[in-house]
Amino acid sequence: MRKFKNEKKKVCRIEEVNINTGRVILYYKGGLSTIVHSDLKNVTQDPDIISSINSVHASWLGYYYGKFRTTSETSWSPNKSPGLFLKSNKGIFNILSQDRAGNILYVNKLNNERYLCDPISLLQNEYEIDNFDPSQACYIGILAWYGLSKRQSNFPTKPELRLVR
């Protein structure tokens, strides 16, 4: 497994995510190593747990949380309560807003440059994600799954063209 820049500081890592049951296995390292089995919803809504994992793991945790929520609750939307994920801004990058197309506007706090990017592209770019606060990275993961699921639902189920011989 690749080491990330914040890996040494973090005391927790995700061992397993089961989206069928909504369960997560966390491994806490330190003086007394501990394995914790928990509910996916509880883990993503606990700021202490989110801040104790690295941003890349947090983004994938958010992705699987979004996948679990949309498969278990058809009316769920990540935009109903983003405040929990956007409170902390300790990373180099900070989310400013989201446009109507679903793109995320974020700023580099070191040079004040602004960027606009699709959440799916951000999720796939480990360097970018690693520079966000873990809670914001988790939210990006949620938005990436939500955007991906919306795109898939917009694909036509029947062919729109008829083959004529």
C-alpha atoms as a PDB file:
ATOM      1  CA  MET A   1       0.000   0.000   0.000  1.00  0.00           C
ATOM      2  CA  ARG A   2       1.268   3.474  -0.905  1.00  0.00           C
ATOM      3  CA  LYS A   3       2.286   5.802   1.923  1.00  0.00           C
ATOM      4  CA  PHE A   4       0.631   9.210   1.928  1.00  0.00           C
ATOM      5  CA  LYS A   5       2.100  12.407   3.325  1.00  0.00           C
ATOM      6  CA  ASN A   6      -0.231  12.438   6.334  1.00  0.00           C
ATOM      7  CA  GLU A   7      -0.025   8.674   6.973  1.00  0.00           C
ATOM      8  CA  LYS A   8       2.415   8.937   9.905  1.00  0.00           C
ATOM      9  CA  LYS A   9       0.228  11.416  11.804  1.00  0.00           C
ATOM     10  CA  LYS A  10      -2.976   9.406  11.538  1.00  0.00           C
ATOM     11  CA  VAL A  11      -3.894   6.904  14.227  1.00  0.00           C
ATOM     12  CA  CYS A  12      -6.635   5.069  12.383  1.00  0.00           C
ATOM     13  CA  ARG A  13      -7.000   3.272   9.071  1.00  0.00           C
ATOM     14  CA  ILE A  14      -9.855   1.551   7.329  1.00  0.00           C
ATOM     15  CA  GLU A  15      -9.445  -2.200   7.042  1.00  0.00           C
ATOM     16  CA  GLU A  16     -12.720  -3.129   5.378  1.00  0.00           C
ATOM     17  CA  VAL A  17     -15.967  -1.577   4.138  1.00  0.00           C
ATOM     18  CA  ASN A  18     -19.007  -3.767   3.490  1.00  0.00           C
ATOM     19  CA  ILE A  19     -21.638  -1.762   1.615  1.00  0.00           C
ATOM     20  CA  ASN A  20     -24.114  -4.648   1.667  1.00  0.00           C
ATOM     21  CA  THR A  21     -24.367  -4.550   5.454  1.00  0.00           C
ATOM     22  CA  GLY A  22     -23.183  -0.965   5.988  1.00  0.00           C
ATOM     23  CA  ARG A  23     -20.360  -2.074   8.303  1.00  0.00           C
ATOM     24  CA  VAL A  24     -16.797  -0.762   8.573  1.00  0.00           C
ATOM     25  CA  ILE A  25     -13.771  -2.283  10.265  1.00  0.00           C
ATOM     26  CA  LEU A  26     -11.297   0.285  11.606  1.00  0.00           C
ATOM     27  CA  TYR A  27      -7.801  -0.379  12.902  1.00  0.00           C
ATOM     28  CA  TYR A  28      -6.479   2.019  15.545  1.00  0.00           C
ATOM     29  CA  LYS A  29      -2.709   1.953  15.963  1.00  0.00           C
ATOM     30  CA  GLY A  30      -0.752   3.325  18.852  1.00  0.00           C
ATOM     31  CA  GLY A  31       0.046   2.171  22.378  1.00  0.00           C
ATOM     32  CA  LEU A  32      -2.768  -0.354  22.303  1.00  0.00           C
ATOM     33  CA  SER A  33      -3.782  -1.438  18.807  1.00  0.00           C
ATOM     34  CA  THR A  34      -7.519  -1.957  18.494  1.00  0.00           C
ATOM     35  CA  ILE A  35      -9.885  -3.227  15.813  1.00  0.00           C
ATOM     36  CA  VAL A  36     -13.330  -1.635  15.850  1.00  0.00           C
ATOM     37  CA  HIS A  37     -16.427  -2.825  13.977  1.00  0.00           C
ATOM     38  CA  SER A  38     -18.868   0.005  13.388  1.00  0.00           C
ATOM     39  CA  ASP A  39     -21.767   1.218  11.300  1.00  0.00           C
ATOM     40  CA  LEU A  40     -20.851   3.121   8.102  1.00  0.00           C
ATOM     41  CA  LYS A  41     -23.226   5.975   8.933  1.00  0.00           C
ATOM     42  CA  ASN A  42     -21.809   6.393  12.446  1.00  0.00           C
ATOM     43  CA  VAL A  43     -18.225   6.440  11.194  1.00  0.00           C
ATOM     44  CA  THR A  44     -18.825   9.059   8.495  1.00  0.00           C
ATOM     45  CA  GLN A  45     -20.744  11.321  10.868  1.00  0.00           C
ATOM     46  CA  ASP A  46     -18.167  11.203  13.668  1.00  0.00           C
ATOM     47  CA  PRO A  47     -15.677  14.082  13.216  1.00  0.00           C
ATOM     48  CA  ASP A  48     -13.155  12.438  15.565  1.00  0.00           C
ATOM     49  CA  ILE A  49     -12.981   9.270  13.476  1.00  0.00           C
ATOM     50  CA  ILE A  50     -12.879  11.123  10.150  1.00  0.00           C
ATOM     51  CA  SER A  51     -10.062  13.395  11.357  1.00  0.00           C
ATOM     52  CA  SER A  52      -8.059  10.377  12.557  1.00  0.00           C
ATOM     53  CA  ILE A  53      -7.791   8.767   9.078  1.00  0.00           C
ATOM     54  CA  ASN A  54      -5.875  10.084   6.085  1.00  0.00           C
ATOM     55  CA  SER A  55      -7.669  12.059   3.404  1.00  0.00           C
ATOM     56  CA  VAL A  56      -7.430   9.380   0.710  1.00  0.00           C
ATOM     57  CA  HIS A  57      -9.068   6.780   2.963  1.00  0.00           C
ATOM     58  CA  ALA A  58     -11.661   9.362   4.031  1.00  0.00           C
ATOM     59  CA  SER A  59     -12.557  10.080   0.406  1.00  0.00           C
ATOM     60  CA  TRP A  60     -13.118   6.399  -0.349  1.00  0.00           C
ATOM     61  CA  LEU A  61     -15.060   6.007   2.874  1.00  0.00           C
ATOM     62  CA  GLY A  62     -17.303   8.840   1.651  1.00  0.00           C
ATOM     63  CA  TYR A  63     -17.635   7.174  -1.746  1.00  0.00           C
ATOM     64  CA  TYR A  64     -18.812   3.899  -0.212  1.00  0.00           C
ATOM     65  CA  TYR A  65     -21.049   5.746   2.259  1.00  0.00           C
ATOM     66  CA  GLY A  66     -22.734   7.526  -0.660  1.00  0.00           C
ATOM     67  CA  LYS A  67     -23.124   4.222  -2.462  1.00  0.00           C
ATOM     68  CA  PHE A  68     -24.627   2.592   0.627  1.00  0.00           C
ATOM     69  CA  ARG A  69     -27.038   5.484   1.277  1.00  0.00           C
ATOM     70  CA  THR A  70     -28.301   5.739  -2.303  1.00  0.00           C
ATOM     71  CA  THR A  71     -28.912   1.995  -2.526  1.00  0.00           C
ATOM     72  CA  SER A  72     -30.713   1.847   0.827  1.00  0.00           C
ATOM     73  CA  GLU A  73     -32.580   5.184   0.639  1.00  0.00           C
ATOM     74  CA  THR A  74     -33.792   6.313  -2.764  1.00  0.00           C
ATOM     75  CA  SER A  75     -34.644   9.880  -1.695  1.00  0.00           C
ATOM     76  CA  TRP A  76     -31.266  10.592  -0.033  1.00  0.00           C
ATOM     77  CA  SER A  77     -29.115  13.458  -1.310  1.00  0.00           C
ATOM     78  CA  PRO A  78     -25.650  14.506  -0.045  1.00  0.00           C
ATOM     79  CA  ASN A  79     -26.555  18.173  -0.456  1.00  0.00           C
ATOM     80  CA  LYS A  80     -29.100  18.082   2.379  1.00  0.00           C
ATOM     81  CA  SER A  81     -26.487  18.291   5.161  1.00  0.00           C
ATOM     82  CA  PRO A  82     -22.977  19.172   3.923  1.00  0.00           C
ATOM     83  CA  GLY A  83     -22.210  21.301   7.004  1.00  0.00           C
ATOM     84  CA  LEU A  84     -20.773  18.418   9.014  1.00  0.00           C
ATOM     85  CA  PHE A  85     -18.162  17.738   6.338  1.00  0.00           C
ATOM     86  CA  LEU A  86     -17.270  21.342   5.556  1.00  0.00           C
ATOM     87  CA  LYS A  87     -16.659  22.647   9.089  1.00  0.00           C
ATOM     88  CA  SER A  88     -13.025  21.610   9.249  1.00  0.00           C
ATOM     89  CA  ASN A  89     -10.612  23.221   6.798  1.00  0.00           C
ATOM     90  CA  LYS A  90      -7.166  22.233   8.031  1.00  0.00           C
ATOM     91  CA  GLY A  91      -5.958  21.035   4.627  1.00  0.00           C
ATOM     92  CA  ILE A  92      -4.060  23.014   2.007  1.00  0.00           C
ATOM     93  CA  PHE A  93      -7.131  22.903  -0.231  1.00  0.00           C
ATOM     94  CA  ASN A  94     -10.509  24.135   0.963  1.00  0.00           C
ATOM     95  CA  ILE A  95     -13.922  23.622  -0.683  1.00  0.00           C
ATOM     96  CA  LEU A  96     -15.672  26.900  -1.457  1.00  0.00           C
ATOM     97  CA  SER A  97     -18.798  25.816  -3.324  1.00  0.00           C
ATOM     98  CA  GLN A  98     -20.405  23.480  -5.812  1.00  0.00           C
ATOM     99  CA  ASP A  99     -21.918  24.652  -9.086  1.00  0.00           C
ATOM    100  CA  ARG A 100     -25.132  23.423 -10.699  1.00  0.00           C
ATOM    101  CA  ALA A 101     -23.245  20.946 -12.849  1.00  0.00           C
ATOM    102  CA  GLY A 102     -21.860  19.303  -9.692  1.00  0.00           C
ATOM    103  CA  ASN A 103     -18.294  20.611 -10.052  1.00  0.00           C
ATOM    104  CA  ILE A 104     -16.444  21.613  -6.899  1.00  0.00           C
ATOM    105  CA  LEU A 105     -14.833  25.040  -6.588  1.00  0.00           C
ATOM    106  CA  TYR A 106     -11.888  24.918  -4.187  1.00  0.00           C
ATOM    107  CA  VAL A 107      -8.989  27.142  -3.254  1.00  0.00           C
ATOM    108  CA  ASN A 108      -5.311  26.489  -2.560  1.00  0.00           C
ATOM    109  CA  LYS A 109      -4.767  28.368   0.714  1.00  0.00           C
ATOM    110  CA  LEU A 110      -1.024  28.746   0.080  1.00  0.00           C
ATOM    111  CA  ASN A 111      -1.280  30.785  -3.137  1.00  0.00           C
ATOM    112  CA  ASN A 112      -5.016  31.635  -3.184  1.00  0.00           C
ATOM    113  CA  GLU A 113      -5.527  29.989  -6.589  1.00  0.00           C
ATOM    114  CA  ARG A 114      -9.010  28.665  -7.298  1.00  0.00           C
ATOM    115  CA  TYR A 115      -9.796  25.462  -9.138  1.00  0.00           C
ATOM    116  CA  LEU A 116     -13.002  23.967 -10.537  1.00  0.00           C
ATOM    117  CA  CYS A 117     -13.084  20.200 -10.819  1.00  0.00           C
ATOM    118  CA  ASP A 118     -15.501  17.294 -11.110  1.00  0.00           C
ATOM    119  CA  PRO A 119     -15.691  15.304  -7.810  1.00  0.00           C
ATOM    120  CA  ILE A 120     -14.999  12.045  -9.663  1.00  0.00           C
ATOM    121  CA  SER A 121     -11.757  13.460 -11.099  1.00  0.00           C
ATOM    122  CA  LEU A 122     -10.771  14.750  -7.658  1.00  0.00           C
ATOM    123  CA  LEU A 123     -11.432  11.349  -6.096  1.00  0.00           C
ATOM    124  CA  GLN A 124      -9.139   9.691  -8.633  1.00  0.00           C
ATOM    125  CA  ASN A 125      -6.309  12.186  -8.024  1.00  0.00           C
ATOM    126  CA  GLU A 126      -4.592  11.079  -4.800  1.00  0.00           C
ATOM    127  CA  TYR A 127      -2.310  14.134  -4.682  1.00  0.00           C
ATOM    128  CA  GLU A 128      -5.265  16.528  -4.744  1.00  0.00           C
ATOM    129  CA  ILE A 129      -7.322  14.529  -2.237  1.00  0.00           C
ATOM    130  CA  ASP A 130      -4.362  14.214   0.138  1.00  0.00           C
ATOM    131  CA  ASN A 131      -4.233  18.019   0.377  1.00  0.00           C
ATOM    132  CA  PHE A 132      -7.835  18.325   1.589  1.00  0.00           C
ATOM    133  CA  ASP A 133      -8.920  17.984   5.188  1.00  0.00           C
ATOM    134  CA  PRO A 134     -10.191  14.387   5.776  1.00  0.00           C
ATOM    135  CA  SER A 135     -13.759  15.571   6.405  1.00  0.00           C
ATOM    136  CA  GLN A 136     -13.807  17.519   3.138  1.00  0.00           C
ATOM    137  CA  ALA A 137     -12.222  14.553   1.334  1.00  0.00           C
ATOM    138  CA  CYS A 138     -15.026  12.373   2.717  1.00  0.00           C
ATOM    139  CA  TYR A 139     -17.581  14.816   1.315  1.00  0.00           C
ATOM    140  CA  ILE A 140     -15.837  14.778  -2.076  1.00  0.00           C
ATOM    141  CA  GLY A 141     -16.143  10.977  -2.057  1.00  0.00           C
ATOM    142  CA  ILE A 142     -19.861  11.225  -1.305  1.00  0.00           C
ATOM    143  CA  LEU A 143     -20.339  13.743  -4.123  1.00  0.00           C
ATOM    144  CA  ALA A 144     -18.312  11.569  -6.511  1.00  0.00           C
ATOM    145  CA  TRP A 145     -20.563   8.561  -5.931  1.00  0.00           C
ATOM    146  CA  TYR A 146     -23.691  10.715  -6.105  1.00  0.00           C
ATOM    147  CA  GLY A 147     -22.570  12.274  -9.407  1.00  0.00           C
ATOM    148  CA  LEU A 148     -21.615   8.895 -10.808  1.00  0.00           C
ATOM    149  CA  SER A 149     -24.949   7.358  -9.845  1.00  0.00           C
ATOM    150  CA  LYS A 150     -26.826  10.278 -11.436  1.00  0.00           C
ATOM    151  CA  ARG A 151     -24.867   9.861 -14.654  1.00  0.00           C
ATOM    152  CA  GLN A 152     -25.621   6.149 -14.741  1.00  0.00           C
ATOM    153  CA  SER A 153     -29.322   6.748 -14.140  1.00  0.00           C
ATOM    154  CA  ASN A 154     -29.400   9.179 -17.073  1.00  0.00           C
ATOM    155  CA  PHE A 155     -28.212   6.511 -19.500  1.00  0.00           C
ATOM    156  CA  PRO A 156     -31.072   5.324 -21.672  1.00  0.00           C
ATOM    157  CA  THR A 157     -32.325   1.879 -20.767  1.00  0.00           C
ATOM    158  CA  LYS A 158     -33.784   1.261 -24.230  1.00  0.00           C
ATOM    159  CA  PRO A 159     -32.050   2.023 -27.478  1.00  0.00           C
ATOM    160  CA  GLU A 160     -33.165   5.391 -28.770  1.00  0.00           C
ATOM    161  CA  LEU A 161     -32.362   4.512 -32.361  1.00  0.00           C
ATOM    162  CA  ARG A 162     -34.104   1.814 -34.309  1.00  0.00           C
ATOM    163  CA  LEU A 163     -32.156  -0.253 -36.775  1.00  0.00           C
ATOM    164  CA  VAL A 164     -33.746  -0.132 -40.213  1.00  0.00           C
ATOM    165  CA  ARG A 165     -32.681  -2.508 -42.959  1.00  0.00           C
END
